[in-house]
C-alpha atoms as a PDB file:
ATOM      1  CA  MET A   1      -3.419  34.756  -1.884  1.00  0.00           C
ATOM      2  CA  SER A   2      -3.391  36.157   1.608  1.00  0.00           C
ATOM      3  CA  GLN A   3      -6.762  34.588   2.282  1.00  0.00           C
ATOM      4  CA  TYR A   4      -5.307  31.154   2.201  1.00  0.00           C
ATOM      5  CA  SER A   5      -3.132  29.570   4.890  1.00  0.00           C
ATOM      6  CA  PRO A   6       0.227  28.158   3.889  1.00  0.00           C
ATOM      7  CA  GLU A   7      -1.020  24.676   4.658  1.00  0.00           C
ATOM      8  CA  GLU A   8      -3.777  24.973   2.020  1.00  0.00           C
ATOM      9  CA  ILE A   9      -1.466  25.937  -0.907  1.00  0.00           C
ATOM     10  CA  GLY A  10       0.440  23.746  -3.321  1.00  0.00           C
ATOM     11  CA  PHE A  11       2.484  24.903  -6.292  1.00  0.00           C
ATOM     12  CA  ILE A  12       2.779  22.858  -9.469  1.00  0.00           C
ATOM     13  CA  ASP A  13       5.297  23.671 -12.164  1.00  0.00           C
ATOM     14  CA  GLU A  14       7.179  21.878 -14.894  1.00  0.00           C
ATOM     15  CA  THR A  15      10.548  22.266 -16.558  1.00  0.00           C
ATOM     16  CA  SER A  16      12.552  20.575 -19.277  1.00  0.00           C
ATOM     17  CA  LYS A  17      16.092  20.244 -20.501  1.00  0.00           C
ATOM     18  CA  ASP A  18      17.844  19.121 -23.649  1.00  0.00           C
ATOM     19  CA  GLU A  19      21.188  19.675 -25.287  1.00  0.00           C
ATOM     20  CA  ARG A  20      20.209  23.186 -26.362  1.00  0.00           C
ATOM     21  CA  THR A  21      19.147  24.431 -22.905  1.00  0.00           C
ATOM     22  CA  ALA A  22      22.467  26.163 -22.094  1.00  0.00           C
ATOM     23  CA  PHE A  23      22.677  28.060 -25.395  1.00  0.00           C
ATOM     24  CA  ARG A  24      21.747  31.711 -25.326  1.00  0.00           C
ATOM     25  CA  ARG A  25      18.834  32.744 -27.543  1.00  0.00           C
ATOM     26  CA  ASN A  26      19.869  36.346 -27.730  1.00  0.00           C
ATOM     27  CA  GLY A  27      23.191  37.840 -28.696  1.00  0.00           C
ATOM     28  CA  ARG A  28      25.025  41.108 -29.103  1.00  0.00           C
ATOM     29  CA  ALA A  29      26.887  42.586 -32.074  1.00  0.00           C
ATOM     30  CA  ARG A  30      28.310  45.883 -33.164  1.00  0.00           C
ATOM     31  CA  LYS A  31      25.865  48.443 -34.509  1.00  0.00           C
ATOM     32  CA  GLY A  32      24.816  47.481 -38.035  1.00  0.00           C
ATOM     33  CA  MET A  33      26.195  43.946 -37.659  1.00  0.00           C
ATOM     34  CA  ARG A  34      24.191  40.744 -37.142  1.00  0.00           C
ATOM     35  CA  ALA A  35      24.873  38.637 -34.026  1.00  0.00           C
ATOM     36  CA  GLN A  36      26.102  35.185 -35.017  1.00  0.00           C
ATOM     37  CA  ARG A  37      26.564  31.988 -33.138  1.00  0.00           C
ATOM     38  CA  ARG A  38      28.529  29.042 -34.472  1.00  0.00           C
ATOM     39  CA  GLY A  39      28.035  25.585 -33.276  1.00  0.00           C
ATOM     40  CA  ILE A  40      26.837  22.165 -34.033  1.00  0.00           C
ATOM     41  CA  PHE A  41      23.005  21.914 -33.838  1.00  0.00           C
ATOM     42  CA  VAL A  42      22.124  18.922 -31.698  1.00  0.00           C
ATOM     43  CA  GLN A  43      18.677  18.699 -30.198  1.00  0.00           C
ATOM     44  CA  GLY A  44      19.428  15.498 -28.306  1.00  0.00           C
ATOM     45  CA  ARG A  45      17.224  13.846 -25.809  1.00  0.00           C
ATOM     46  CA  ARG A  46      14.699  15.917 -23.895  1.00  0.00           C
ATOM     47  CA  LEU A  47      13.874  15.319 -20.259  1.00  0.00           C
ATOM     48  CA  SER A  48      10.841  17.027 -18.581  1.00  0.00           C
ATOM     49  CA  ALA A  49      10.010  17.191 -14.875  1.00  0.00           C
ATOM     50  CA  VAL A  50       6.832  18.244 -12.997  1.00  0.00           C
ATOM     51  CA  GLY A  51       6.456  18.722  -9.304  1.00  0.00           C
ATOM     52  CA  LEU A  52       4.055  19.666  -6.551  1.00  0.00           C
ATOM     53  CA  LEU A  53       5.668  21.915  -3.893  1.00  0.00           C
ATOM     54  CA  THR A  54       3.953  22.299  -0.538  1.00  0.00           C
ATOM     55  CA  LEU A  55       4.925  23.914   2.812  1.00  0.00           C
ATOM     56  CA  ASP A  56       6.499  20.551   3.805  1.00  0.00           C
ATOM     57  CA  GLY A  57       8.584  20.277   0.675  1.00  0.00           C
ATOM     58  CA  MET A  58       8.221  18.379  -2.642  1.00  0.00           C
ATOM     59  CA  ALA A  59       5.051  16.225  -2.283  1.00  0.00           C
ATOM     60  CA  ALA A  60       4.908  14.748  -5.737  1.00  0.00           C
ATOM     61  CA  SER A  61       7.120  14.666  -8.793  1.00  0.00           C
ATOM     62  CA  ASN A  62       7.556  12.945 -12.142  1.00  0.00           C
ATOM     63  CA  VAL A  63      10.299  12.877 -14.831  1.00  0.00           C
ATOM     64  CA  ILE A  64       9.560  11.766 -18.372  1.00  0.00           C
ATOM     65  CA  LYS A  65      11.421  11.462 -21.683  1.00  0.00           C
ATOM     66  CA  GLY A  66      10.054  14.091 -24.102  1.00  0.00           C
ATOM     67  CA  SER A  67       7.701  16.973 -23.203  1.00  0.00           C
ATOM     68  CA  PHE A  68       4.662  17.049 -21.068  1.00  0.00           C
ATOM     69  CA  THR A  69       1.425  17.037 -23.062  1.00  0.00           C
ATOM     70  CA  ALA A  70      -1.907  17.881 -21.608  1.00  0.00           C
ATOM     71  CA  GLU A  71      -2.703  14.168 -21.335  1.00  0.00           C
ATOM     72  CA  LYS A  72       0.513  13.449 -19.403  1.00  0.00           C
ATOM     73  CA  PHE A  73      -0.144  16.414 -17.086  1.00  0.00           C
ATOM     74  CA  VAL A  74      -3.727  15.234 -16.455  1.00  0.00           C
ATOM     75  CA  HIS A  75      -2.314  11.794 -15.583  1.00  0.00           C
ATOM     76  CA  PHE A  76       0.144  13.319 -13.133  1.00  0.00           C
ATOM     77  CA  LEU A  77      -2.544  15.428 -11.548  1.00  0.00           C
ATOM     78  CA  GLU A  78      -5.014  12.559 -11.270  1.00  0.00           C
ATOM     79  CA  HIS A  79      -2.669   9.910  -9.961  1.00  0.00           C
ATOM     80  CA  ASP A  80       0.038  11.793  -8.094  1.00  0.00           C
ATOM     81  CA  VAL A  81      -1.412  15.147  -6.924  1.00  0.00           C
ATOM     82  CA  LEU A  82      -5.158  14.827  -6.179  1.00  0.00           C
ATOM     83  CA  PRO A  83      -4.792  11.796  -3.916  1.00  0.00           C
ATOM     84  CA  LEU A  84      -2.757  14.013  -1.617  1.00  0.00           C
ATOM     85  CA  CYS A  85      -5.233  16.927  -1.717  1.00  0.00           C
ATOM     86  CA  SER A  86      -8.301  17.607   0.334  1.00  0.00           C
ATOM     87  CA  PRO A  87     -11.553  19.576  -0.299  1.00  0.00           C
ATOM     88  CA  TYR A  88     -11.295  23.295   0.372  1.00  0.00           C
ATOM     89  CA  PRO A  89     -10.642  24.629   3.009  1.00  0.00           C
ATOM     90  CA  GLY A  90      -8.517  21.650   4.101  1.00  0.00           C
ATOM     91  CA  PRO A  91      -4.799  21.045   3.852  1.00  0.00           C
ATOM     92  CA  LEU A  92      -3.520  21.202   0.285  1.00  0.00           C
ATOM     93  CA  SER A  93      -6.823  22.356  -1.124  1.00  0.00           C
ATOM     94  CA  VAL A  94      -5.567  25.267  -3.328  1.00  0.00           C
ATOM     95  CA  LEU A  95      -3.313  24.462  -6.333  1.00  0.00           C
ATOM     96  CA  VAL A  96      -1.413  27.302  -7.941  1.00  0.00           C
ATOM     97  CA  MET A  97      -0.233  26.770 -11.595  1.00  0.00           C
ATOM     98  CA  ASP A  98       1.281  29.119 -14.134  1.00  0.00           C
ATOM     99  CA  ASN A  99      -0.395  29.934 -17.513  1.00  0.00           C
ATOM    100  CA  ALA A 100       1.073  26.979 -19.389  1.00  0.00           C
ATOM    101  CA  CYS A 101      -1.337  25.792 -22.143  1.00  0.00           C
ATOM    102  CA  ILE A 102      -1.350  22.246 -20.784  1.00  0.00           C
ATOM    103  CA  HIS A 103      -2.998  23.682 -17.533  1.00  0.00           C
ATOM    104  CA  HIS A 104      -5.979  24.918 -19.635  1.00  0.00           C
ATOM    105  CA  HIS A 105      -7.029  21.488 -20.761  1.00  0.00           C
ATOM    106  CA  GLY A 106     -10.682  20.986 -19.867  1.00  0.00           C
ATOM    107  CA  GLU A 107     -10.002  17.821 -17.958  1.00  0.00           C
ATOM    108  CA  VAL A 108      -7.732  19.752 -15.509  1.00  0.00           C
ATOM    109  CA  ARG A 109     -10.474  22.037 -14.328  1.00  0.00           C
ATOM    110  CA  GLU A 110     -12.947  19.106 -14.128  1.00  0.00           C
ATOM    111  CA  LEU A 111     -10.624  16.941 -11.987  1.00  0.00           C
ATOM    112  CA  VAL A 112      -9.888  19.769  -9.660  1.00  0.00           C
ATOM    113  CA  ARG A 113     -13.492  20.786  -9.209  1.00  0.00           C
ATOM    114  CA  ASN A 114     -14.576  17.172  -8.700  1.00  0.00           C
ATOM    115  CA  ALA A 115     -12.002  16.913  -5.911  1.00  0.00           C
ATOM    116  CA  GLY A 116     -13.784  19.791  -4.091  1.00  0.00           C
ATOM    117  CA  MET A 117     -11.047  22.360  -4.669  1.00  0.00           C
END
């Protein structure tokens, strides 16, 4: 990453929340005993957010009901992110994403390459 200037880099990430978000997934119990959690199971409404963070702050974002699919992520990339980008080595020409499966969709790579990045 040190070969890129801070102006060239943008970070994309997504997150989500529903009624279960605050519940722990792991627990503790005495040796030989099983950890238990009691509560009412409610999945509730899920909200998901995705954003593009640059040196200047949040450059693009989107919040949807439900979860991001590859198609919804591609739409965000194509309509909200790439119009702000420039071909490498210009400003915002390097996008950093985590290893989420929606980032591996074939159209993601194609869109980014076609934008000269």
